PDB file of all heavy atoms in Angstrom:
ATOM      1  N   PRO A   1       0.738  -1.230  -0.031  1.00  0.00           N
ATOM      2  CA  PRO A   1       0.021   0.067  -0.011  1.00  0.00           C
ATOM      3  C   PRO A   1       0.855   1.259   0.010  1.00  0.00           C
ATOM      4  O   PRO A   1       2.074   1.223   0.426  1.00  0.00           O
ATOM      5  CB  PRO A   1      -0.755  -0.122   1.325  1.00  0.00           C
ATOM      6  CG  PRO A   1       0.212  -0.889   2.204  1.00  0.00           C
ATOM      7  CD  PRO A   1       0.880  -1.788   1.359  1.00  0.00           C
ATOM      8  N   HIS A   2       0.328   2.380  -0.469  1.00  0.00           N
ATOM      9  CA  HIS A   2       0.904   3.551  -0.371  1.00  0.00           C
ATOM     10  C   HIS A   2      -0.006   4.683  -0.605  1.00  0.00           C
ATOM     11  O   HIS A   2      -1.276   4.542  -0.571  1.00  0.00           O
ATOM     12  CB  HIS A   2       2.178   3.684  -1.353  1.00  0.00           C
ATOM     13  CG  HIS A   2       3.406   4.375  -0.733  1.00  0.00           C
ATOM     14  ND1 HIS A   2       3.311   5.663  -0.134  1.00  0.00           N
ATOM     15  CD2 HIS A   2       4.667   4.071  -0.704  1.00  0.00           C
ATOM     16  CE1 HIS A   2       4.541   5.917   0.333  1.00  0.00           C
ATOM     17  NE2 HIS A   2       5.338   5.061  -0.021  1.00  0.00           N
ATOM     18  N   GLY A   3       0.556   5.917  -0.860  1.00  0.00           N
ATOM     19  CA  GLY A   3      -0.332   7.045  -0.966  1.00  0.00           C
ATOM     20  C   GLY A   3       0.317   8.322  -0.546  1.00  0.00           C
ATOM     21  O   GLY A   3       1.525   8.419  -0.380  1.00  0.00           O
ATOM     22  N   GLY A   4      -0.493   9.355  -0.384  1.00  0.00           N
ATOM     23  CA  GLY A   4       0.026  10.620   0.054  1.00  0.00           C
ATOM     24  C   GLY A   4      -0.775  11.855  -0.301  1.00  0.00           C
ATOM     25  O   GLY A   4      -1.968  11.664  -0.760  1.00  0.00           O
ATOM     26  N   LEU A   5      -0.279  12.970  -0.130  1.00  0.00           N
ATOM     27  CA  LEU A   5      -1.037  14.300  -0.327  1.00  0.00           C
ATOM     28  C   LEU A   5      -0.121  15.208  -0.885  1.00  0.00           C
ATOM     29  O   LEU A   5       1.117  15.412  -0.611  1.00  0.00           O
ATOM     30  CB  LEU A   5      -1.652  14.909   0.919  1.00  0.00           C
ATOM     31  CG  LEU A   5      -2.452  13.906   1.900  1.00  0.00           C
ATOM     32  CD1 LEU A   5      -1.552  13.338   2.978  1.00  0.00           C
ATOM     33  CD2 LEU A   5      -3.579  14.675   2.504  1.00  0.00           C
ATOM     34  N   VAL A   6      -0.731  16.090  -1.849  1.00  0.00           N
ATOM     35  CA  VAL A   6      -0.064  17.352  -2.257  1.00  0.00           C
ATOM     36  C   VAL A   6      -1.095  18.429  -1.822  1.00  0.00           C
ATOM     37  O   VAL A   6      -2.238  18.464  -2.193  1.00  0.00           O
ATOM     38  CB  VAL A   6       0.027  17.368  -3.805  1.00  0.00           C
ATOM     39  CG1 VAL A   6       0.492  18.741  -4.241  1.00  0.00           C
ATOM     40  CG2 VAL A   6       1.068  16.338  -4.236  1.00  0.00           C
ATOM     41  N   ILE A   7      -0.533  19.459  -1.174  1.00  0.00           N
ATOM     42  CA  ILE A   7      -1.300  20.574  -0.606  1.00  0.00           C
ATOM     43  C   ILE A   7      -0.641  21.901  -1.003  1.00  0.00           C
ATOM     44  O   ILE A   7       0.540  22.020  -0.877  1.00  0.00           O
ATOM     45  CB  ILE A   7      -1.411  20.448   0.960  1.00  0.00           C
ATOM     46  CG1 ILE A   7      -2.016  19.165   1.350  1.00  0.00           C
ATOM     47  CG2 ILE A   7      -2.259  21.557   1.490  1.00  0.00           C
ATOM     48  CD1 ILE A   7      -2.110  18.908   2.809  1.00  0.00           C
ATOM     49  N   ARG A   8      -1.410  22.794  -1.538  1.00  0.00           N
ATOM     50  CA  ARG A   8      -0.956  24.131  -1.713  1.00  0.00           C
ATOM     51  C   ARG A   8      -1.810  25.133  -0.879  1.00  0.00           C
ATOM     52  O   ARG A   8      -3.040  25.127  -0.930  1.00  0.00           O
ATOM     53  CB  ARG A   8      -1.197  24.568  -3.286  1.00  0.00           C
ATOM     54  CG  ARG A   8      -0.775  25.886  -3.602  1.00  0.00           C
ATOM     55  CD  ARG A   8       0.664  26.024  -3.796  1.00  0.00           C
ATOM     56  NE  ARG A   8       1.062  27.480  -4.302  1.00  0.00           N
ATOM     57  CZ  ARG A   8       2.259  27.787  -4.512  1.00  0.00           C
ATOM     58  NH1 ARG A   8       3.296  26.976  -4.230  1.00  0.00           N
ATOM     59  NH2 ARG A   8       2.566  28.972  -4.950  1.00  0.00           N
ATOM     60  N   SER A   9      -1.140  25.852  -0.110  1.00  0.00           N
ATOM     61  CA  SER A   9      -1.729  26.779   0.785  1.00  0.00           C
ATOM     62  C   SER A   9      -1.353  28.156   0.179  1.00  0.00           C
ATOM     63  O   SER A   9      -0.280  28.561   0.006  1.00  0.00           O
ATOM     64  CB  SER A   9      -1.268  26.765   2.269  1.00  0.00           C
ATOM     65  OG  SER A   9      -1.739  27.800   2.964  1.00  0.00           O
ATOM     66  N   GLY A  10      -2.428  28.944  -0.208  1.00  0.00           N
ATOM     67  CA  GLY A  10      -2.157  30.236  -0.863  1.00  0.00           C
ATOM     68  C   GLY A  10      -3.132  31.340  -0.521  1.00  0.00           C
ATOM     69  O   GLY A  10      -4.080  31.146   0.184  1.00  0.00           O
ATOM     70  N   LYS A  11      -2.756  32.577  -0.968  1.00  0.00           N
ATOM     71  CA  LYS A  11      -3.563  33.743  -0.525  1.00  0.00           C
ATOM     72  C   LYS A  11      -4.000  34.540  -1.808  1.00  0.00           C
ATOM     73  O   LYS A  11      -3.196  34.585  -2.736  1.00  0.00           O
ATOM     74  CB  LYS A  11      -2.818  34.642   0.428  1.00  0.00           C
ATOM     75  CG  LYS A  11      -2.502  34.033   1.806  1.00  0.00           C
ATOM     76  CD  LYS A  11      -1.696  34.977   2.653  1.00  0.00           C
ATOM     77  CE  LYS A  11      -1.381  34.354   4.012  1.00  0.00           C
ATOM     78  NZ  LYS A  11      -2.536  34.138   4.827  1.00  0.00           N
ATOM     79  N   THR A  12      -5.205  35.110  -1.728  1.00  0.00           N
ATOM     80  CA  THR A  12      -5.641  36.063  -2.849  1.00  0.00           C
ATOM     81  C   THR A  12      -6.111  37.347  -2.138  1.00  0.00           C
ATOM     82  O   THR A  12      -6.408  37.390  -1.055  1.00  0.00           O
ATOM     83  CB  THR A  12      -6.657  35.381  -3.805  1.00  0.00           C
ATOM     84  OG1 THR A  12      -7.808  35.070  -3.004  1.00  0.00           O
ATOM     85  CG2 THR A  12      -6.088  34.090  -4.312  1.00  0.00           C
ATOM     86  N   GLY A  13      -6.400  38.245  -3.123  1.00  0.00           N
ATOM     87  CA  GLY A  13      -6.982  39.554  -2.577  1.00  0.00           C
ATOM     88  C   GLY A  13      -6.014  40.657  -2.641  1.00  0.00           C
ATOM     89  O   GLY A  13      -4.752  40.356  -2.756  1.00  0.00           O
ATOM     90  N   LEU A  14      -6.517  41.933  -2.598  1.00  0.00           N
ATOM     91  CA  LEU A  14      -5.743  43.075  -2.814  1.00  0.00           C
ATOM     92  C   LEU A  14      -4.647  43.106  -1.712  1.00  0.00           C
ATOM     93  O   LEU A  14      -3.428  43.446  -1.970  1.00  0.00           O
ATOM     94  CB  LEU A  14      -6.583  44.362  -2.743  1.00  0.00           C
ATOM     95  CG  LEU A  14      -5.824  45.678  -3.024  1.00  0.00           C
ATOM     96  CD1 LEU A  14      -5.282  45.638  -4.446  1.00  0.00           C
ATOM     97  CD2 LEU A  14      -6.770  46.858  -2.816  1.00  0.00           C
ATOM     98  N   ASN A  15      -4.953  42.747  -0.607  1.00  0.00           N
ATOM     99  CA  ASN A  15      -4.047  42.629   0.570  1.00  0.00           C
ATOM    100  C   ASN A  15      -3.781  41.228   1.033  1.00  0.00           C
ATOM    101  O   ASN A  15      -3.420  40.998   2.241  1.00  0.00           O
ATOM    102  CB  ASN A  15      -4.579  43.516   1.776  1.00  0.00           C
ATOM    103  CG  ASN A  15      -4.767  44.986   1.282  1.00  0.00           C
ATOM    104  OD1 ASN A  15      -3.838  45.601   0.937  1.00  0.00           O
ATOM    105  ND2 ASN A  15      -5.992  45.467   1.430  1.00  0.00           N
ATOM    106  N   LEU A  16      -3.959  40.295   0.114  1.00  0.00           N
ATOM    107  CA  LEU A  16      -3.803  38.833   0.479  1.00  0.00           C
ATOM    108  C   LEU A  16      -4.569  38.407   1.727  1.00  0.00           C
ATOM    109  O   LEU A  16      -4.064  37.747   2.647  1.00  0.00           O
ATOM    110  CB  LEU A  16      -2.235  38.569   0.687  1.00  0.00           C
ATOM    111  CG  LEU A  16      -1.390  38.867  -0.580  1.00  0.00           C
ATOM    112  CD1 LEU A  16       0.044  38.674  -0.231  1.00  0.00           C
ATOM    113  CD2 LEU A  16      -1.811  38.093  -1.824  1.00  0.00           C
ATOM    114  N   GLU A  17      -5.786  38.909   1.738  1.00  0.00           N
ATOM    115  CA  GLU A  17      -6.582  38.640   2.979  1.00  0.00           C
ATOM    116  C   GLU A  17      -7.332  37.394   3.018  1.00  0.00           C
ATOM    117  O   GLU A  17      -7.880  37.012   3.965  1.00  0.00           O
ATOM    118  CB  GLU A  17      -7.522  39.843   3.205  1.00  0.00           C
ATOM    119  CG  GLU A  17      -8.622  40.016   2.096  1.00  0.00           C
ATOM    120  CD  GLU A  17      -8.254  41.002   0.963  1.00  0.00           C
ATOM    121  OE1 GLU A  17      -7.026  41.049   0.711  1.00  0.00           O
ATOM    122  OE2 GLU A  17      -9.109  41.483   0.339  1.00  0.00           O
ATOM    123  N   HIS A  18      -7.390  36.720   1.912  1.00  0.00           N
ATOM    124  CA  HIS A  18      -8.151  35.414   1.771  1.00  0.00           C
ATOM    125  C   HIS A  18      -7.315  34.201   1.632  1.00  0.00           C
ATOM    126  O   HIS A  18      -6.431  34.206   0.669  1.00  0.00           O
ATOM    127  CB  HIS A  18      -9.145  35.503   0.659  1.00  0.00           C
ATOM    128  CG  HIS A  18     -10.166  36.571   0.860  1.00  0.00           C
ATOM    129  ND1 HIS A  18     -10.502  37.539  -0.095  1.00  0.00           N
ATOM    130  CD2 HIS A  18     -11.037  36.773   1.902  1.00  0.00           C
ATOM    131  CE1 HIS A  18     -11.425  38.335   0.353  1.00  0.00           C
ATOM    132  NE2 HIS A  18     -11.857  37.899   1.678  1.00  0.00           N
ATOM    133  N   ASN A  19      -7.540  33.199   2.361  1.00  0.00           N
ATOM    134  CA  ASN A  19      -6.689  31.939   2.424  1.00  0.00           C
ATOM    135  C   ASN A  19      -7.405  30.914   1.514  1.00  0.00           C
ATOM    136  O   ASN A  19      -8.692  30.774   1.546  1.00  0.00           O
ATOM    137  CB  ASN A  19      -6.501  31.406   3.774  1.00  0.00           C
ATOM    138  CG  ASN A  19      -5.616  32.332   4.572  1.00  0.00           C
ATOM    139  OD1 ASN A  19      -4.616  32.861   4.146  1.00  0.00           O
ATOM    140  ND2 ASN A  19      -6.052  32.608   5.890  1.00  0.00           N
ATOM    141  N   HIS A  20      -6.750  30.137   0.822  1.00  0.00           N
ATOM    142  CA  HIS A  20      -7.219  28.997   0.069  1.00  0.00           C
ATOM    143  C   HIS A  20      -6.336  27.736   0.168  1.00  0.00           C
ATOM    144  O   HIS A  20      -5.078  27.882   0.297  1.00  0.00           O
ATOM    145  CB  HIS A  20      -7.288  29.335  -1.438  1.00  0.00           C
ATOM    146  CG  HIS A  20      -7.910  30.691  -1.704  1.00  0.00           C
ATOM    147  ND1 HIS A  20      -9.330  30.790  -1.817  1.00  0.00           N
ATOM    148  CD2 HIS A  20      -7.478  31.929  -1.926  1.00  0.00           C
ATOM    149  CE1 HIS A  20      -9.638  31.985  -2.019  1.00  0.00           C
ATOM    150  NE2 HIS A  20      -8.530  32.730  -2.079  1.00  0.00           N
ATOM    151  N   ILE A  21      -6.941  26.605   0.236  1.00  0.00           N
ATOM    152  CA  ILE A  21      -6.173  25.305   0.291  1.00  0.00           C
ATOM    153  C   ILE A  21      -6.592  24.464  -0.825  1.00  0.00           C
ATOM    154  O   ILE A  21      -7.802  24.166  -1.102  1.00  0.00           O
ATOM    155  CB  ILE A  21      -6.569  24.508   1.606  1.00  0.00           C
ATOM    156  CG1 ILE A  21      -6.196  25.517   2.838  1.00  0.00           C
ATOM    157  CG2 ILE A  21      -5.796  23.223   1.744  1.00  0.00           C
ATOM    158  CD1 ILE A  21      -4.663  25.789   3.056  1.00  0.00           C
ATOM    159  N   ILE A  22      -5.629  23.942  -1.673  1.00  0.00           N
ATOM    160  CA  ILE A  22      -5.848  22.926  -2.675  1.00  0.00           C
ATOM    161  C   ILE A  22      -5.283  21.648  -2.175  1.00  0.00           C
ATOM    162  O   ILE A  22      -4.044  21.635  -1.807  1.00  0.00           O
ATOM    163  CB  ILE A  22      -5.282  23.338  -3.935  1.00  0.00           C
ATOM    164  CG1 ILE A  22      -5.857  24.607  -4.516  1.00  0.00           C
ATOM    165  CG2 ILE A  22      -5.435  22.315  -5.044  1.00  0.00           C
ATOM    166  CD1 ILE A  22      -5.162  25.288  -5.675  1.00  0.00           C
ATOM    167  N   GLU A  23      -5.954  20.555  -2.265  1.00  0.00           N
ATOM    168  CA  GLU A  23      -5.385  19.295  -1.676  1.00  0.00           C
ATOM    169  C   GLU A  23      -5.789  18.225  -2.641  1.00  0.00           C
ATOM    170  O   GLU A  23      -6.903  18.078  -3.039  1.00  0.00           O
ATOM    171  CB  GLU A  23      -5.999  18.957  -0.306  1.00  0.00           C
ATOM    172  CG  GLU A  23      -5.514  17.698   0.289  1.00  0.00           C
ATOM    173  CD  GLU A  23      -5.996  17.452   1.797  1.00  0.00           C
ATOM    174  OE1 GLU A  23      -6.016  18.412   2.504  1.00  0.00           O
ATOM    175  OE2 GLU A  23      -6.173  16.201   2.134  1.00  0.00           O
ATOM    176  N   TYR A  24      -4.763  17.386  -2.923  1.00  0.00           N
ATOM    177  CA  TYR A  24      -4.932  16.132  -3.792  1.00  0.00           C
ATOM    178  C   TYR A  24      -4.474  14.964  -2.931  1.00  0.00           C
ATOM    179  O   TYR A  24      -3.280  15.007  -2.403  1.00  0.00           O
ATOM    180  CB  TYR A  24      -4.088  16.274  -5.019  1.00  0.00           C
ATOM    181  CG  TYR A  24      -4.202  15.073  -5.925  1.00  0.00           C
ATOM    182  CD1 TYR A  24      -5.374  14.790  -6.684  1.00  0.00           C
ATOM    183  CD2 TYR A  24      -3.071  14.263  -6.151  1.00  0.00           C
ATOM    184  CE1 TYR A  24      -5.345  13.674  -7.538  1.00  0.00           C
ATOM    185  CE2 TYR A  24      -3.090  13.134  -7.026  1.00  0.00           C
ATOM    186  CZ  TYR A  24      -4.319  12.892  -7.661  1.00  0.00           C
ATOM    187  OH  TYR A  24      -4.386  11.856  -8.527  1.00  0.00           O
ATOM    188  N   HIS A  25      -5.251  13.919  -2.766  1.00  0.00           N
ATOM    189  CA  HIS A  25      -4.996  12.886  -1.795  1.00  0.00           C
ATOM    190  C   HIS A  25      -5.177  11.497  -2.437  1.00  0.00           C
ATOM    191  O   HIS A  25      -6.151  11.288  -3.157  1.00  0.00           O
ATOM    192  CB  HIS A  25      -6.019  13.007  -0.634  1.00  0.00           C
ATOM    193  CG  HIS A  25      -5.676  12.029   0.519  1.00  0.00           C
ATOM    194  ND1 HIS A  25      -6.551  11.856   1.578  1.00  0.00           N
ATOM    195  CD2 HIS A  25      -4.742  11.149   0.710  1.00  0.00           C
ATOM    196  CE1 HIS A  25      -6.076  11.030   2.434  1.00  0.00           C
ATOM    197  NE2 HIS A  25      -4.933  10.531   1.951  1.00  0.00           N
TER     198      HIS A  25
END
C-alpha cells in the first residue's frame, strides 16, 4: 500500500486577505 497528499496553501485579494487550500489525496 502507499499514497500521500499534495497541498498548496495560498492567498488572494488586494491585501492577500483570503486563504485557500488545494489538496490532492
